[in-house]
C-alpha atoms as a PDB file:
ATOM      1  CA  MET A   1       0.000   0.000   0.000  1.00  0.00           C
ATOM      2  CA  LYS A   2       1.369   3.425  -0.870  1.00  0.00           C
ATOM      3  CA  GLU A   3       2.573   5.748   1.873  1.00  0.00           C
ATOM      4  CA  ARG A   4       0.222   8.473   3.006  1.00  0.00           C
ATOM      5  CA  ARG A   5       1.452  12.049   2.901  1.00  0.00           C
ATOM      6  CA  PRO A   6       1.996  13.721   6.310  1.00  0.00           C
ATOM      7  CA  GLY A   7      -1.199  15.262   7.631  1.00  0.00           C
ATOM      8  CA  ALA A   8      -3.455  13.129   5.437  1.00  0.00           C
ATOM      9  CA  ALA A   9      -6.327  11.135   6.854  1.00  0.00           C
ATOM     10  CA  ALA A  10      -5.926   7.384   7.159  1.00  0.00           C
ATOM     11  CA  PRO A  11      -7.486   5.472   4.242  1.00  0.00           C
ATOM     12  CA  LEU A  12     -10.588   3.278   4.072  1.00  0.00           C
ATOM     13  CA  ASP A  13      -8.981   0.678   1.812  1.00  0.00           C
ATOM     14  CA  PHE A  14      -9.329  -2.251   4.227  1.00  0.00           C
ATOM     15  CA  GLU A  15     -12.904  -1.314   5.050  1.00  0.00           C
ATOM     16  CA  ARG A  16     -13.860  -1.066   1.371  1.00  0.00           C
ATOM     17  CA  GLU A  17     -12.385  -4.493   0.665  1.00  0.00           C
ATOM     18  CA  LEU A  18     -14.422  -5.990   3.515  1.00  0.00           C
ATOM     19  CA  TRP A  19     -17.588  -4.175   2.439  1.00  0.00           C
ATOM     20  CA  ALA A  20     -17.102  -5.591  -1.066  1.00  0.00           C
ATOM     21  CA  ARG A  21     -16.922  -9.081   0.484  1.00  0.00           C
ATOM     22  CA  GLY A  22     -20.296  -8.545   2.147  1.00  0.00           C
ATOM     23  CA  PHE A  23     -19.245  -7.507   5.653  1.00  0.00           C
ATOM     24  CA  VAL A  24     -21.529  -4.566   6.395  1.00  0.00           C
ATOM     25  CA  ARG A  25     -20.487  -3.511   9.904  1.00  0.00           C
ATOM     26  CA  VAL A  26     -16.694  -3.247   9.945  1.00  0.00           C
ATOM     27  CA  CYS A  27     -15.263  -2.257  13.302  1.00  0.00           C
ATOM     28  CA  GLY A  28     -11.906  -0.668  14.106  1.00  0.00           C
ATOM     29  CA  ILE A  29     -10.379  -1.193  17.572  1.00  0.00           C
ATOM     30  CA  ASP A  30      -7.427   0.478  19.266  1.00  0.00           C
ATOM     31  CA  GLU A  31      -6.226   1.111  22.815  1.00  0.00           C
ATOM     32  CA  ALA A  32      -4.533   3.821  24.831  1.00  0.00           C
ATOM     33  CA  GLY A  33      -2.520   3.448  28.012  1.00  0.00           C
ATOM     34  CA  ARG A  34      -0.538   0.230  27.788  1.00  0.00           C
ATOM     35  CA  GLY A  35       2.725   1.864  28.833  1.00  0.00           C
ATOM     36  CA  PRO A  36       1.958   4.291  31.696  1.00  0.00           C
ATOM     37  CA  LEU A  37       2.816   3.703  35.326  1.00  0.00           C
ATOM     38  CA  ALA A  38      -0.668   4.709  36.450  1.00  0.00           C
ATOM     39  CA  GLY A  39      -4.265   4.701  35.313  1.00  0.00           C
ATOM     40  CA  PRO A  40      -6.402   2.364  33.227  1.00  0.00           C
ATOM     41  CA  VAL A  41      -5.982   0.777  29.841  1.00  0.00           C
ATOM     42  CA  VAL A  42      -8.735   2.183  27.607  1.00  0.00           C
ATOM     43  CA  ALA A  43      -9.946   0.670  24.333  1.00  0.00           C
ATOM     44  CA  ALA A  44     -12.388   2.014  21.783  1.00  0.00           C
ATOM     45  CA  ALA A  45     -14.348   0.268  19.033  1.00  0.00           C
ATOM     46  CA  VAL A  46     -15.730   2.276  16.111  1.00  0.00           C
ATOM     47  CA  ILE A  47     -17.914   1.507  13.097  1.00  0.00           C
ATOM     48  CA  LEU A  48     -17.859   4.237  10.459  1.00  0.00           C
ATOM     49  CA  PRO A  49     -20.540   4.789   7.819  1.00  0.00           C
ATOM     50  CA  ARG A  50     -19.429   4.118   4.270  1.00  0.00           C
ATOM     51  CA  ALA A  51     -19.651   7.767   3.293  1.00  0.00           C
ATOM     52  CA  PHE A  52     -17.557   8.967   6.220  1.00  0.00           C
ATOM     53  CA  SER A  53     -14.594  11.200   5.513  1.00  0.00           C
ATOM     54  CA  HIS A  54     -12.360  13.455   7.549  1.00  0.00           C
ATOM     55  CA  PRO A  55      -9.601  15.854   6.518  1.00  0.00           C
ATOM     56  CA  PHE A  56      -6.923  14.745   8.993  1.00  0.00           C
ATOM     57  CA  LEU A  57      -8.141  11.816  11.133  1.00  0.00           C
ATOM     58  CA  ASN A  58      -5.137   9.562  11.655  1.00  0.00           C
ATOM     59  CA  ASP A  59      -3.076   7.848  14.344  1.00  0.00           C
ATOM     60  CA  SER A  60      -3.812   9.822  17.515  1.00  0.00           C
ATOM     61  CA  LYS A  61      -0.083  10.075  18.276  1.00  0.00           C
ATOM     62  CA  GLN A  62       0.367  12.087  15.088  1.00  0.00           C
ATOM     63  CA  LEU A  63      -2.241  14.691  16.050  1.00  0.00           C
ATOM     64  CA  SER A  64      -1.967  17.655  18.393  1.00  0.00           C
ATOM     65  CA  ALA A  65      -4.188  17.666  21.475  1.00  0.00           C
ATOM     66  CA  ALA A  66      -6.420  20.289  19.835  1.00  0.00           C
ATOM     67  CA  ARG A  67      -6.812  18.208  16.680  1.00  0.00           C
ATOM     68  CA  ARG A  68      -7.529  15.067  18.689  1.00  0.00           C
ATOM     69  CA  GLU A  69     -10.302  16.909  20.523  1.00  0.00           C
ATOM     70  CA  GLU A  70     -11.706  18.188  17.237  1.00  0.00           C
ATOM     71  CA  ALA A  71     -11.638  14.700  15.701  1.00  0.00           C
ATOM     72  CA  TYR A  72     -13.152  13.220  18.873  1.00  0.00           C
ATOM     73  CA  ARG A  73     -16.093  15.626  18.681  1.00  0.00           C
ATOM     74  CA  SER A  74     -16.654  14.975  14.988  1.00  0.00           C
ATOM     75  CA  LEU A  75     -16.808  11.237  15.674  1.00  0.00           C
ATOM     76  CA  THR A  76     -18.790  11.088  18.907  1.00  0.00           C
ATOM     77  CA  GLU A  77     -21.323  13.731  17.851  1.00  0.00           C
ATOM     78  CA  ASN A  78     -22.029  12.073  14.495  1.00  0.00           C
ATOM     79  CA  PRO A  79     -25.184   9.935  14.871  1.00  0.00           C
ATOM     80  CA  GLU A  80     -24.064   7.670  12.016  1.00  0.00           C
ATOM     81  CA  VAL A  81     -20.851   6.678  13.815  1.00  0.00           C
ATOM     82  CA  ALA A  82     -21.230   3.734  16.223  1.00  0.00           C
ATOM     83  CA  TRP A  83     -18.659   3.739  18.996  1.00  0.00           C
ATOM     84  CA  SER A  84     -17.954   2.180  22.370  1.00  0.00           C
ATOM     85  CA  VAL A  85     -15.282   2.671  25.041  1.00  0.00           C
ATOM     86  CA  ALA A  86     -14.146   0.255  27.758  1.00  0.00           C
ATOM     87  CA  ARG A  87     -11.509   0.491  30.464  1.00  0.00           C
ATOM     88  CA  VAL A  88      -9.542  -1.917  32.642  1.00  0.00           C
ATOM     89  CA  GLU A  89      -8.288  -0.430  35.887  1.00  0.00           C
ATOM     90  CA  ALA A  90      -4.733  -0.487  37.234  1.00  0.00           C
ATOM     91  CA  GLU A  91      -5.575  -3.133  39.825  1.00  0.00           C
ATOM     92  CA  GLU A  92      -6.687  -5.526  37.081  1.00  0.00           C
ATOM     93  CA  VAL A  93      -3.583  -4.705  35.016  1.00  0.00           C
ATOM     94  CA  ASP A  94      -1.526  -5.831  38.013  1.00  0.00           C
ATOM     95  CA  ARG A  95      -3.611  -8.970  38.425  1.00  0.00           C
ATOM     96  CA  VAL A  96      -3.630 -10.286  34.857  1.00  0.00           C
ATOM     97  CA  ASN A  97      -0.734  -8.357  33.185  1.00  0.00           C
ATOM     98  CA  VAL A  98      -1.043  -5.502  30.720  1.00  0.00           C
ATOM     99  CA  LEU A  99      -1.420  -7.641  27.583  1.00  0.00           C
ATOM    100  CA  ARG A 100      -4.422  -9.526  28.938  1.00  0.00           C
ATOM    101  CA  ALA A 101      -5.844  -6.304  30.352  1.00  0.00           C
ATOM    102  CA  THR A 102      -5.594  -4.761  26.884  1.00  0.00           C
ATOM    103  CA  TRP A 103      -7.406  -7.746  25.388  1.00  0.00           C
ATOM    104  CA  GLN A 104     -10.119  -7.438  28.037  1.00  0.00           C
ATOM    105  CA  ALA A 105     -10.630  -3.775  27.224  1.00  0.00           C
ATOM    106  CA  MET A 106     -10.792  -4.461  23.485  1.00  0.00           C
ATOM    107  CA  ILE A 107     -13.295  -7.303  23.921  1.00  0.00           C
ATOM    108  CA  ALA A 108     -15.487  -5.142  26.159  1.00  0.00           C
ATOM    109  CA  ALA A 109     -15.349  -2.214  23.747  1.00  0.00           C
ATOM    110  CA  ARG A 110     -16.443  -4.407  20.843  1.00  0.00           C
ATOM    111  CA  ALA A 111     -19.189  -5.941  22.975  1.00  0.00           C
ATOM    112  CA  GLY A 112     -20.534  -2.440  23.571  1.00  0.00           C
ATOM    113  CA  LEU A 113     -21.488  -2.084  19.903  1.00  0.00           C
ATOM    114  CA  ASP A 114     -25.135  -2.919  19.222  1.00  0.00           C
ATOM    115  CA  PRO A 115     -25.704  -4.483  16.772  1.00  0.00           C
ATOM    116  CA  PRO A 116     -22.318  -6.208  16.848  1.00  0.00           C
ATOM    117  CA  PRO A 117     -19.790  -5.884  14.026  1.00  0.00           C
ATOM    118  CA  ASP A 118     -19.463  -8.388  11.196  1.00  0.00           C
ATOM    119  CA  TRP A 119     -15.679  -8.012  11.045  1.00  0.00           C
ATOM    120  CA  THR A 120     -13.023  -6.367  13.195  1.00  0.00           C
ATOM    121  CA  LEU A 121      -9.828  -4.525  12.316  1.00  0.00           C
ATOM    122  CA  VAL A 122      -7.480  -4.218  15.288  1.00  0.00           C
ATOM    123  CA  ASP A 123      -4.287  -2.234  15.642  1.00  0.00           C
ATOM    124  CA  GLY A 124      -1.082  -4.172  16.235  1.00  0.00           C
ATOM    125  CA  ARG A 125      -0.649  -7.880  16.766  1.00  0.00           C
ATOM    126  CA  PRO A 126      -3.390 -10.533  16.643  1.00  0.00           C
ATOM    127  CA  VAL A 127      -5.791 -10.612  19.581  1.00  0.00           C
ATOM    128  CA  PRO A 128      -6.864 -14.271  19.882  1.00  0.00           C
ATOM    129  CA  PRO A 129      -9.903 -13.583  22.122  1.00  0.00           C
ATOM    130  CA  LEU A 130     -11.449 -11.446  19.347  1.00  0.00           C
ATOM    131  CA  GLY A 131     -11.951 -14.576  17.246  1.00  0.00           C
ATOM    132  CA  ASP A 132     -11.423 -15.397  13.594  1.00  0.00           C
ATOM    133  CA  ALA A 133     -13.498 -12.573  12.047  1.00  0.00           C
ATOM    134  CA  CYS A 134     -10.665 -10.177  12.740  1.00  0.00           C
ATOM    135  CA  ASP A 135      -7.610  -8.757  10.958  1.00  0.00           C
ATOM    136  CA  ALA A 136      -4.652  -7.405  12.940  1.00  0.00           C
ATOM    137  CA  LEU A 137      -2.846  -4.543  11.218  1.00  0.00           C
ATOM    138  CA  VAL A 138       0.586  -3.418  12.350  1.00  0.00           C
ATOM    139  CA  ARG A 139       0.494   0.406  12.401  1.00  0.00           C
ATOM    140  CA  GLY A 140      -3.210   0.022  11.736  1.00  0.00           C
ATOM    141  CA  ASP A 141      -4.016   3.440  13.192  1.00  0.00           C
ATOM    142  CA  ALA A 142      -2.270   4.975  10.173  1.00  0.00           C
ATOM    143  CA  ARG A 143      -3.580   2.421   7.648  1.00  0.00           C
ATOM    144  CA  SER A 144      -7.276   2.152   8.525  1.00  0.00           C
ATOM    145  CA  LEU A 145      -9.628   5.058   9.125  1.00  0.00           C
ATOM    146  CA  SER A 146     -11.749   2.947  11.486  1.00  0.00           C
ATOM    147  CA  ILE A 147      -8.736   2.095  13.643  1.00  0.00           C
ATOM    148  CA  ALA A 148      -7.582   5.722  13.511  1.00  0.00           C
ATOM    149  CA  ALA A 149     -11.010   6.765  14.785  1.00  0.00           C
ATOM    150  CA  ALA A 150     -10.739   4.227  17.614  1.00  0.00           C
ATOM    151  CA  SER A 151      -7.251   5.451  18.493  1.00  0.00           C
ATOM    152  CA  VAL A 152      -8.485   9.035  18.837  1.00  0.00           C
ATOM    153  CA  ILE A 153     -11.533   8.119  20.920  1.00  0.00           C
ATOM    154  CA  ALA A 154      -9.476   5.857  23.209  1.00  0.00           C
ATOM    155  CA  LYS A 155      -6.748   8.469  23.652  1.00  0.00           C
ATOM    156  CA  VAL A 156      -9.078  11.378  24.390  1.00  0.00           C
ATOM    157  CA  ALA A 157     -11.229   9.271  26.713  1.00  0.00           C
ATOM    158  CA  ARG A 158      -8.182   8.143  28.671  1.00  0.00           C
ATOM    159  CA  ASP A 159      -6.671  11.643  28.825  1.00  0.00           C
ATOM    160  CA  ARG A 160      -9.909  12.933  30.311  1.00  0.00           C
ATOM    161  CA  LEU A 161      -9.880  10.149  32.910  1.00  0.00           C
ATOM    162  CA  MET A 162      -6.328  11.082  33.872  1.00  0.00           C
ATOM    163  CA  GLU A 163      -7.327  14.735  34.203  1.00  0.00           C
ATOM    164  CA  GLU A 164     -10.108  13.675  36.585  1.00  0.00           C
ATOM    165  CA  MET A 165      -7.593  11.561  38.476  1.00  0.00           C
ATOM    166  CA  ASP A 166      -5.315  14.575  38.777  1.00  0.00           C
ATOM    167  CA  ARG A 167      -7.979  16.393  40.772  1.00  0.00           C
ATOM    168  CA  LYS A 168      -8.121  13.484  43.220  1.00  0.00           C
ATOM    169  CA  TYR A 169      -4.342  12.981  43.406  1.00  0.00           C
ATOM    170  CA  PRO A 170      -2.837  16.401  42.589  1.00  0.00           C
ATOM    171  CA  ALA A 171       0.640  15.536  43.891  1.00  0.00           C
ATOM    172  CA  TYR A 172       1.513  13.386  40.871  1.00  0.00           C
ATOM    173  CA  GLY A 173       0.773  15.671  37.907  1.00  0.00           C
ATOM    174  CA  PHE A 174      -1.436  13.172  36.082  1.00  0.00           C
ATOM    175  CA  ALA A 175      -3.043  15.922  33.979  1.00  0.00           C
ATOM    176  CA  ARG A 176       0.347  16.722  32.474  1.00  0.00           C
ATOM    177  CA  HIS A 177       1.966  13.345  31.855  1.00  0.00           C
ATOM    178  CA  LYS A 178      -1.157  11.129  31.843  1.00  0.00           C
ATOM    179  CA  GLY A 179       0.560   8.554  34.043  1.00  0.00           C
ATOM    180  CA  TYR A 180       3.649   8.003  31.897  1.00  0.00           C
ATOM    181  CA  GLY A 181       7.036   7.682  33.561  1.00  0.00           C
ATOM    182  CA  THR A 182       8.316  11.213  33.103  1.00  0.00           C
ATOM    183  CA  ALA A 183      11.034  12.652  35.316  1.00  0.00           C
ATOM    184  CA  ALA A 184       8.453  14.760  37.157  1.00  0.00           C
ATOM    185  CA  HIS A 185       6.273  11.705  37.760  1.00  0.00           C
ATOM    186  CA  LEU A 186       9.205   9.709  39.097  1.00  0.00           C
ATOM    187  CA  ARG A 187      10.143  12.553  41.439  1.00  0.00           C
ATOM    188  CA  ALA A 188       6.580  12.621  42.786  1.00  0.00           C
ATOM    189  CA  LEU A 189       6.682   8.861  43.296  1.00  0.00           C
ATOM    190  CA  ALA A 190       9.970   9.172  45.179  1.00  0.00           C
ATOM    191  CA  ALA A 191       8.435  11.816  47.419  1.00  0.00           C
ATOM    192  CA  TRP A 192       4.988  10.300  48.020  1.00  0.00           C
ATOM    193  CA  GLY A 193       5.010   6.651  47.045  1.00  0.00           C
ATOM    194  CA  PRO A 194       2.301   5.207  44.783  1.00  0.00           C
ATOM    195  CA  CYS A 195      -1.389   5.985  45.053  1.00  0.00           C
ATOM    196  CA  LEU A 196      -4.217   3.541  44.447  1.00  0.00           C
ATOM    197  CA  GLU A 197      -4.177   4.328  40.717  1.00  0.00           C
ATOM    198  CA  HIS A 198      -0.580   3.239  40.182  1.00  0.00           C
ATOM    199  CA  ARG A 199       0.248  -0.105  38.615  1.00  0.00           C
ATOM    200  CA  LYS A 200       2.238  -1.766  41.345  1.00  0.00           C
ATOM    201  CA  SER A 201       3.626  -4.376  38.937  1.00  0.00           C
ATOM    202  CA  PHE A 202       5.121  -1.562  36.827  1.00  0.00           C
ATOM    203  CA  LEU A 203       6.626   0.103  39.880  1.00  0.00           C
ATOM    204  CA  LYS A 204       8.165  -3.005  41.411  1.00  0.00           C
ATOM    205  CA  ARG A 205      11.687  -2.335  40.137  1.00  0.00           C
ATOM    206  CA  ILE A 206      11.489   1.396  40.848  1.00  0.00           C
ATOM    207  CA  TRP A 207      10.468   0.896  44.474  1.00  0.00           C
ATOM    208  CA  SER A 208      12.844  -1.964  45.144  1.00  0.00           C
ATOM    209  CA  LYS A 209      15.694   0.389  44.210  1.00  0.00           C
ATOM    210  CA  SER A 210      14.471   3.624  45.768  1.00  0.00           C
ATOM    211  CA  SER A 211      12.800   2.519  48.997  1.00  0.00           C
ATOM    212  CA  GLY A 212      13.599  -1.120  49.501  1.00  0.00           C
ATOM    213  CA  ASP A 213      10.130  -1.816  50.924  1.00  0.00           C
ATOM    214  CA  GLY A 214       7.686  -1.444  48.034  1.00  0.00           C
ATOM    215  CA  GLY A 215       6.738   2.117  48.902  1.00  0.00           C
ATOM    216  CA  SER A 216       3.750   3.371  50.819  1.00  0.00           C
ATOM    217  CA  GLU A 217       0.355   4.611  49.749  1.00  0.00           C
ATOM    218  CA  GLY A 218       0.511   8.155  48.438  1.00  0.00           C
ATOM    219  CA  PRO A 219      -1.469  11.231  49.473  1.00  0.00           C
ATOM    220  CA  ASP A 220      -5.244  10.750  49.584  1.00  0.00           C
ATOM    221  CA  GLY A 221      -4.670   7.086  48.737  1.00  0.00           C
END
């Protein structure tokens, strides 16, 4: 497939091929929040109408915050766009590991679509629990408009959750770094220890080196 020019919207080539094969409701799925030290994994599932177009909708990581918000509004306020969001909390990430937590979020997001999709396009590697009616696309958020739409909805939804979390736990700066392991976040962890929203499994090495005892619950935790 030819490369897309910078700033261009992701294509609908995969969706059109599936529509031509008789799959009417083609769903794109993507996640946000696999890598952070705190907060949930969030997945979104999106079914676009065949006539949908957008001037710049692409991989959410390639868009500014303002453009992500604009794309999010254009998707979620369009009555012809079917979408669903699901989250798996930090405690569950610790319990089952982040890969399985991501799968759980993706499955729940797809299950939130009613009626269900006929076929699923998912970003990244195969997700066995999604079943056989599914194609996994590496860099799918830049290659499929449906996955790009899911990436934007998942990212904006998670960012908003982290901004809410910041109001509950202001010491950590969640609104700024969204739970990722920035220098400022690590300094806050060194000062306060983890709060209830931190992924203890991700922090295990950090706390074994810095405190030797696994840390303590942070402020308001």
